[in-house]
C-alpha atoms as a PDB file:
ATOM      1  CA  UNK A   1       0.785  24.470  11.703  1.00  0.00           C
ATOM      2  CA  UNK A   2      -2.791  23.322  12.196  1.00  0.00           C
ATOM      3  CA  UNK A   3      -3.666  19.652  12.525  1.00  0.00           C
ATOM      4  CA  UNK A   4      -7.082  18.175  11.800  1.00  0.00           C
ATOM      5  CA  UNK A   5      -7.495  15.474  14.440  1.00  0.00           C
ATOM      6  CA  UNK A   6      -9.922  12.583  14.014  1.00  0.00           C
ATOM      7  CA  UNK A   7     -11.141  11.167  17.329  1.00  0.00           C
ATOM      8  CA  UNK A   8     -12.868   7.798  17.347  1.00  0.00           C
ATOM      9  CA  UNK A   9     -14.710   7.407  20.638  1.00  0.00           C
ATOM     10  CA  UNK A  10     -14.856   3.842  21.912  1.00  0.00           C
ATOM     11  CA  UNK A  11     -16.546   2.502  25.042  1.00  0.00           C
ATOM     12  CA  UNK A  12     -13.625   3.065  27.443  1.00  0.00           C
ATOM     13  CA  UNK A  13     -11.124   5.048  25.403  1.00  0.00           C
ATOM     14  CA  UNK A  14     -10.541   7.097  22.274  1.00  0.00           C
ATOM     15  CA  UNK A  15      -8.274   6.688  19.261  1.00  0.00           C
ATOM     16  CA  UNK A  16      -6.724   9.810  17.729  1.00  0.00           C
ATOM     17  CA  UNK A  17      -5.363  10.177  14.193  1.00  0.00           C
ATOM     18  CA  UNK A  18      -4.070  13.132  12.207  1.00  0.00           C
ATOM     19  CA  UNK A  19      -6.485  13.381   9.277  1.00  0.00           C
ATOM     20  CA  UNK A  20      -4.794  16.359   7.600  1.00  0.00           C
ATOM     21  CA  UNK A  21      -2.655  19.456   8.217  1.00  0.00           C
ATOM     22  CA  UNK A  22      -2.003  22.943   6.869  1.00  0.00           C
ATOM     23  CA  UNK A  23      -0.291  26.203   7.802  1.00  0.00           C
ATOM     24  CA  UNK A  24      -3.387  28.249   6.916  1.00  0.00           C
ATOM     25  CA  UNK A  25      -6.093  28.620   9.586  1.00  0.00           C
ATOM     26  CA  UNK A  26      -8.826  29.445   7.043  1.00  0.00           C
ATOM     27  CA  UNK A  27      -7.986  26.335   5.043  1.00  0.00           C
ATOM     28  CA  UNK A  28      -7.949  24.250   8.244  1.00  0.00           C
ATOM     29  CA  UNK A  29     -11.426  25.553   9.125  1.00  0.00           C
ATOM     30  CA  UNK A  30     -12.687  24.654   5.640  1.00  0.00           C
ATOM     31  CA  UNK A  31     -11.186  21.179   5.895  1.00  0.00           C
ATOM     32  CA  UNK A  32     -12.741  20.679   9.335  1.00  0.00           C
ATOM     33  CA  UNK A  33     -16.146  21.665   7.990  1.00  0.00           C
ATOM     34  CA  UNK A  34     -15.731  19.238   5.086  1.00  0.00           C
ATOM     35  CA  UNK A  35     -14.720  16.339   7.324  1.00  0.00           C
ATOM     36  CA  UNK A  36     -17.700  17.008   9.604  1.00  0.00           C
ATOM     37  CA  UNK A  37     -20.090  17.140   6.626  1.00  0.00           C
ATOM     38  CA  UNK A  38     -19.007  13.799   5.164  1.00  0.00           C
ATOM     39  CA  UNK A  39     -18.633  11.898   8.448  1.00  0.00           C
ATOM     40  CA  UNK A  40     -21.653   9.683   9.132  1.00  0.00           C
ATOM     41  CA  UNK A  41     -20.580   7.797  12.248  1.00  0.00           C
ATOM     42  CA  UNK A  42     -21.796   9.182  15.576  1.00  0.00           C
ATOM     43  CA  UNK A  43     -18.647   8.150  17.472  1.00  0.00           C
ATOM     44  CA  UNK A  44     -16.236  10.149  15.250  1.00  0.00           C
ATOM     45  CA  UNK A  45     -15.349  13.773  16.004  1.00  0.00           C
ATOM     46  CA  UNK A  46     -12.946  16.090  14.164  1.00  0.00           C
ATOM     47  CA  UNK A  47     -11.152  19.070  15.679  1.00  0.00           C
ATOM     48  CA  UNK A  48      -8.395  21.576  14.892  1.00  0.00           C
ATOM     49  CA  UNK A  49      -5.243  21.676  16.979  1.00  0.00           C
ATOM     50  CA  UNK A  50      -2.547  24.316  16.600  1.00  0.00           C
ATOM     51  CA  UNK A  51       0.832  22.617  16.629  1.00  0.00           C
ATOM     52  CA  UNK A  52       4.068  24.444  17.252  1.00  0.00           C
ATOM     53  CA  UNK A  53       7.311  22.602  16.872  1.00  0.00           C
ATOM     54  CA  UNK A  54       9.265  22.286  20.105  1.00  0.00           C
ATOM     55  CA  UNK A  55      12.452  24.209  20.686  1.00  0.00           C
ATOM     56  CA  UNK A  56      15.349  22.381  19.079  1.00  0.00           C
ATOM     57  CA  UNK A  57      18.563  22.368  21.041  1.00  0.00           C
ATOM     58  CA  UNK A  58      21.897  21.621  19.476  1.00  0.00           C
ATOM     59  CA  UNK A  59      23.427  18.517  20.919  1.00  0.00           C
ATOM     60  CA  UNK A  60      27.065  18.716  21.865  1.00  0.00           C
ATOM     61  CA  UNK A  61      29.285  15.800  21.120  1.00  0.00           C
ATOM     62  CA  UNK A  62      31.242  15.012  24.219  1.00  0.00           C
ATOM     63  CA  UNK A  63      34.362  12.991  23.797  1.00  0.00           C
ATOM     64  CA  UNK A  64      35.712  11.028  26.706  1.00  0.00           C
ATOM     65  CA  UNK A  65      39.328  10.286  27.156  1.00  0.00           C
ATOM     66  CA  UNK A  66      39.927   6.784  28.225  1.00  0.00           C
ATOM     67  CA  UNK A  67      42.944   6.550  30.452  1.00  0.00           C
ATOM     68  CA  UNK A  68      45.267   3.709  29.623  1.00  0.00           C
ATOM     69  CA  UNK A  69      45.940   1.960  32.841  1.00  0.00           C
END
């Protein structure tokens, strides 16, 4: 998956937002070009990030026996 990230550069930090996403790299490149063409503010930058979902592990349910004492 490809994310289109919008970065708003502030004086001491930046704010990041996901502007859009797609599974197609060509489409992501077209979207990036479009965002850059319509953006008028100097402190806003768009970029493409490839996102891969992390490995999902199955969680095991562990039951504890409580000893009656």
